[in-house]
Amino acid sequence: MHKPIRSLLLAAGLGTRLRPITLELPKCLVRIGEEPLLENWINKLENIKVEKILINTHYMPEKIDLFLDKKYKNKKKIIKFHENQLLGTAGTLIANRDFFYDSIGIMIHADNFTYMDLKDLIQAHNTKPKNCLITMLTFSSNDPRSCGIAEIDNKGIVINFHEKVENPPGEIANGAVYVFNNDFLDWLIENHPKAKDFSTEIIPFLYGKIYTYHTNLPYIDIGTPEKLREARSLKSDKK
């Protein structure tokens, strides 16, 4: 019997690099075509029949609440978790440990855009090497200095990681989508119960234990106006 899938969509960020757009709108509600980033990810999760979706909020939570209540008012699977103070990517996961009980978990940064389906990522995780605790989505970046860059062995396992360095050794970038089981959460709580940032405080302790799934489709971090234009152009070209 397959375990249910539950997801954490990280949507609490301030989006300061996208100002002035994010002065009036949280980054997760920025539209690519007719679809906000948050909706794009919810649709992907529904395609893999996710059981429940937890969305953390902080910046302009009332606008996210309004969007979710209007768009998904009849769907009890979506749960909101408001943070008065930002807990960080690892901190939010730790605070919601019980949400993932006896399930396959997916943590996703909701400010990225891609056309990829999540089915193959889940399949890769289900066939990961036994010594690996999580599966990380990777993509090829055309601007590796702006990304976390992973060094990967011939089995697809991360052996080193460089978070936004000047001269990264390669272009295989962290897509900030992670799939995990309860054994990873047990390890996290036992070893790093006060961690805040996943990339800098958790990944360096997981070398040799992170399996990867690589997408060849475009994958864009909507962090700057330039990247937003790139994503919108990509969406327009696909029409």
Protein backbone atom coordinates (compact mmCIF):
# COMPACT_ATOMS: atom_id res chain seq x y z
CA MET A 1 0.00 0.00 0.00
CA HIS A 2 1.38 3.37 -1.04
CA LYS A 3 1.72 6.09 1.58
CA PRO A 4 -0.28 9.29 1.06
CA ILE A 5 1.56 12.37 -0.19
CA ARG A 6 1.53 15.60 1.80
CA SER A 7 3.19 18.85 0.76
CA LEU A 8 4.52 22.03 2.31
CA LEU A 9 4.41 25.02 -0.05
CA LEU A 10 6.71 27.76 1.22
CA ALA A 11 4.98 31.05 0.43
CA ALA A 12 5.93 33.38 3.29
CA GLY A 13 8.81 35.34 1.78
CA LEU A 14 8.95 39.11 1.45
CA GLY A 15 10.00 39.12 -2.21
CA THR A 16 12.18 42.20 -1.76
CA ARG A 17 14.09 41.68 -5.02
CA LEU A 18 10.82 41.86 -6.98
CA ARG A 19 9.83 45.29 -5.75
CA PRO A 20 7.86 47.36 -6.67
CA ILE A 21 5.61 44.44 -7.74
CA THR A 22 5.74 42.89 -4.27
CA LEU A 23 4.92 46.13 -2.49
CA GLU A 24 1.28 45.34 -3.22
CA LEU A 25 1.35 41.59 -3.85
CA PRO A 26 3.06 38.60 -2.17
CA LYS A 27 5.51 36.91 -4.52
CA CYS A 28 3.60 33.62 -4.59
CA LEU A 29 0.64 35.42 -6.19
CA VAL A 30 2.66 36.97 -9.02
CA ARG A 31 1.13 35.73 -12.27
CA ILE A 32 2.81 33.86 -15.07
CA GLY A 33 0.24 34.20 -17.82
CA GLU A 34 -3.17 33.88 -16.16
CA GLU A 35 -1.92 31.71 -13.30
CA PRO A 36 -0.30 32.79 -10.01
CA LEU A 37 2.81 30.83 -9.03
CA LEU A 38 0.98 29.35 -6.05
CA GLU A 39 -1.79 28.01 -8.28
CA ASN A 40 0.77 26.48 -10.64
CA TRP A 41 2.21 24.39 -7.81
CA ILE A 42 -1.17 23.46 -6.33
CA ASN A 43 -2.20 22.14 -9.75
CA LYS A 44 0.99 20.05 -9.96
CA LEU A 45 0.32 18.61 -6.53
CA GLU A 46 -3.26 17.77 -7.42
CA ASN A 47 -1.97 15.92 -10.49
CA ILE A 48 -0.11 13.52 -8.18
CA LYS A 49 -3.20 13.23 -5.96
CA VAL A 50 -1.66 14.88 -2.93
CA GLU A 51 -3.67 14.26 0.24
CA LYS A 52 -3.07 17.59 2.00
CA ILE A 53 -1.23 20.83 1.20
CA LEU A 54 0.16 23.07 3.93
CA ILE A 55 0.91 26.67 2.89
CA ASN A 56 2.90 28.90 5.21
CA THR A 57 2.19 32.64 5.15
CA HIS A 58 3.73 35.78 6.64
CA TYR A 59 3.84 38.69 4.18
CA MET A 60 0.40 39.98 3.15
CA PRO A 61 -1.32 36.83 4.44
CA GLU A 62 -4.77 38.33 3.92
CA LYS A 63 -4.21 38.41 0.14
CA ILE A 64 -3.13 34.78 0.10
CA ASP A 65 -6.13 33.89 2.29
CA LEU A 66 -8.47 35.71 -0.09
CA PHE A 67 -7.02 33.95 -3.13
CA LEU A 68 -7.20 30.50 -1.54
CA ASP A 69 -10.68 31.01 -0.14
CA LYS A 70 -11.97 32.22 -3.50
CA LYS A 71 -10.19 29.65 -5.66
CA TYR A 72 -10.28 26.60 -3.39
CA LYS A 73 -13.13 27.29 -0.96
CA ASN A 74 -14.52 23.76 -1.24
CA LYS A 75 -11.22 21.97 -0.86
CA LYS A 76 -10.44 20.92 2.69
CA LYS A 77 -7.05 19.57 1.69
CA ILE A 78 -5.46 23.06 1.79
CA ILE A 79 -4.28 24.20 5.23
CA LYS A 80 -2.74 27.58 6.07
CA PHE A 81 0.03 28.05 8.64
CA HIS A 82 0.69 31.68 9.53
CA GLU A 83 4.09 32.73 10.88
CA ASN A 84 4.12 35.98 12.84
CA GLN A 85 7.89 35.77 12.64
CA LEU A 86 9.57 33.93 9.77
CA LEU A 87 10.78 30.52 10.92
CA GLY A 88 13.00 29.83 7.92
CA THR A 89 12.75 26.94 5.47
CA ALA A 90 14.01 24.34 7.95
CA GLY A 91 12.21 25.96 10.88
CA THR A 92 8.83 25.75 9.15
CA LEU A 93 9.40 22.08 8.34
CA ILE A 94 10.36 21.33 11.95
CA ALA A 95 7.35 23.21 13.32
CA ASN A 96 5.06 21.10 11.15
CA ARG A 97 6.68 17.73 11.74
CA ASP A 98 3.39 16.10 12.77
CA PHE A 99 1.67 17.20 9.55
CA PHE A 100 3.78 14.68 7.64
CA TYR A 101 3.18 11.73 9.94
CA ASP A 102 3.16 8.42 8.04
CA SER A 103 3.29 10.06 4.60
CA ILE A 104 5.63 10.94 1.77
CA GLY A 105 6.48 14.62 2.21
CA ILE A 106 7.33 17.24 -0.41
CA MET A 107 8.68 20.67 0.50
CA ILE A 108 8.46 23.20 -2.34
CA HIS A 109 9.54 26.81 -2.67
CA ALA A 110 6.48 28.33 -4.32
CA ASP A 111 8.40 31.14 -6.04
CA ASN A 112 9.80 28.95 -8.83
CA PHE A 113 8.23 28.32 -12.23
CA THR A 114 8.42 25.21 -14.40
CA TYR A 115 6.31 23.04 -16.68
CA MET A 116 7.63 19.80 -15.22
CA ASP A 117 5.31 17.22 -13.71
CA LEU A 118 6.05 15.91 -10.22
CA LYS A 119 5.23 12.27 -11.01
CA ASP A 120 8.75 11.35 -12.14
CA LEU A 121 10.26 13.06 -9.11
CA ILE A 122 8.10 10.95 -6.80
CA GLN A 123 9.02 7.84 -8.76
CA ALA A 124 12.71 8.67 -8.43
CA HIS A 125 12.31 9.09 -4.69
CA ASN A 126 10.56 5.74 -4.39
CA THR A 127 13.55 4.07 -6.03
CA LYS A 128 16.29 6.09 -4.29
CA PRO A 129 19.33 4.31 -2.77
CA LYS A 130 18.60 3.02 0.74
CA ASN A 131 21.27 5.19 2.35
CA CYS A 132 19.67 8.41 1.03
CA LEU A 133 17.25 10.33 3.27
CA ILE A 134 15.82 12.82 0.77
CA THR A 135 15.49 13.41 -2.97
CA MET A 136 16.33 16.83 -4.39
CA LEU A 137 15.07 18.22 -7.69
CA THR A 138 17.89 19.65 -9.81
CA PHE A 139 18.03 21.61 -13.07
CA SER A 140 20.68 23.16 -15.32
CA SER A 141 21.14 26.85 -14.53
CA ASN A 142 22.33 29.48 -17.00
CA ASP A 143 23.33 31.65 -14.04
CA PRO A 144 24.93 29.22 -11.53
CA ARG A 145 26.28 32.02 -9.32
CA SER A 146 22.70 32.85 -8.31
CA CYS A 147 21.87 29.27 -7.30
CA GLY A 148 22.84 26.55 -4.93
CA ILE A 149 25.04 24.26 -7.03
CA ALA A 150 25.31 20.56 -6.30
CA GLU A 151 28.24 18.27 -7.04
CA ILE A 152 26.82 14.84 -7.84
CA ASP A 153 28.46 11.42 -8.17
CA ASN A 154 27.72 8.85 -10.88
CA LYS A 155 24.85 7.42 -8.83
CA GLY A 156 23.03 10.75 -8.69
CA ILE A 157 23.95 11.43 -5.06
CA VAL A 158 25.02 14.87 -3.78
CA ILE A 159 28.61 14.84 -2.51
CA ASN A 160 29.09 18.60 -2.12
CA PHE A 161 27.02 21.76 -2.29
CA HIS A 162 27.80 25.44 -2.92
CA GLU A 163 25.19 28.03 -1.99
CA LYS A 164 25.46 31.08 -4.29
CA VAL A 165 29.25 31.31 -4.63
CA GLU A 166 31.21 33.38 -7.15
CA ASN A 167 32.78 30.49 -9.06
CA PRO A 168 30.59 27.40 -8.62
CA PRO A 169 31.92 24.07 -9.96
CA GLY A 170 29.23 23.38 -12.51
CA GLU A 171 25.66 24.28 -13.42
CA ILE A 172 23.57 21.56 -11.74
CA ALA A 173 21.37 23.67 -9.48
CA ASN A 174 19.11 22.92 -6.53
CA GLY A 175 15.47 23.37 -7.54
CA ALA A 176 14.45 23.70 -3.88
CA VAL A 177 11.96 20.84 -4.10
CA TYR A 178 12.63 18.02 -1.63
CA VAL A 179 10.90 14.67 -1.17
CA PHE A 180 11.31 12.80 2.11
CA ASN A 181 9.89 10.19 4.46
CA ASN A 182 9.52 10.09 8.22
CA ASP A 183 13.07 8.77 8.70
CA PHE A 184 14.43 12.10 7.44
CA LEU A 185 12.19 14.08 9.79
CA ASP A 186 13.29 11.90 12.71
CA TRP A 187 16.92 12.62 11.77
CA LEU A 188 16.18 16.35 11.46
CA ILE A 189 14.49 16.64 14.85
CA GLU A 190 17.17 14.59 16.57
CA ASN A 191 20.18 16.34 15.06
CA HIS A 192 19.10 19.88 14.11
CA PRO A 193 15.97 20.80 16.09
CA LYS A 194 16.72 24.53 16.03
CA ALA A 195 17.77 24.88 12.38
CA LYS A 196 16.25 27.70 10.35
CA ASP A 197 17.70 27.65 6.83
CA PHE A 198 17.55 24.36 4.91
CA SER A 199 20.25 25.13 2.34
CA THR A 200 22.94 26.32 4.74
CA GLU A 201 22.12 24.45 7.96
CA ILE A 202 20.82 21.08 6.74
CA ILE A 203 22.17 20.18 3.29
CA PRO A 204 25.86 20.31 4.36
CA PHE A 205 25.13 17.54 6.88
CA LEU A 206 23.51 15.32 4.25
CA TYR A 207 26.34 14.78 1.77
CA GLY A 208 26.08 11.22 0.54
CA LYS A 209 22.44 11.04 1.67
CA ILE A 210 20.70 13.24 -0.93
CA TYR A 211 19.48 11.54 -4.09
CA THR A 212 18.69 13.74 -7.10
CA TYR A 213 16.19 13.87 -9.92
CA HIS A 214 17.19 16.16 -12.80
CA THR A 215 14.71 17.94 -15.03
CA ASN A 216 15.75 19.12 -18.48
CA LEU A 217 12.80 21.46 -18.70
CA PRO A 218 13.24 25.20 -17.99
CA TYR A 219 13.16 25.98 -14.27
CA ILE A 220 13.12 29.62 -13.18
CA ASP A 221 13.48 31.21 -9.75
CA ILE A 222 11.15 34.22 -9.88
CA GLY A 223 13.44 36.32 -7.71
CA THR A 224 14.05 39.37 -9.91
CA PRO A 225 12.15 41.36 -12.54
CA GLU A 226 14.47 39.86 -15.19
CA LYS A 227 13.59 36.29 -14.18
CA LEU A 228 9.90 37.17 -14.08
CA ARG A 229 10.10 38.50 -17.65
CA GLU A 230 11.92 35.33 -18.68
CA ALA A 231 9.19 33.13 -17.22
CA ARG A 232 6.42 35.20 -18.76
CA SER A 233 8.14 35.06 -22.13
CA LEU A 234 8.45 31.30 -21.81
CA LYS A 235 4.76 31.03 -20.99
CA SER A 236 3.84 33.28 -23.91
CA ASP A 237 5.95 31.24 -26.35
CA LYS A 238 4.17 28.05 -25.30
CA LYS A 239 0.70 29.35 -26.14
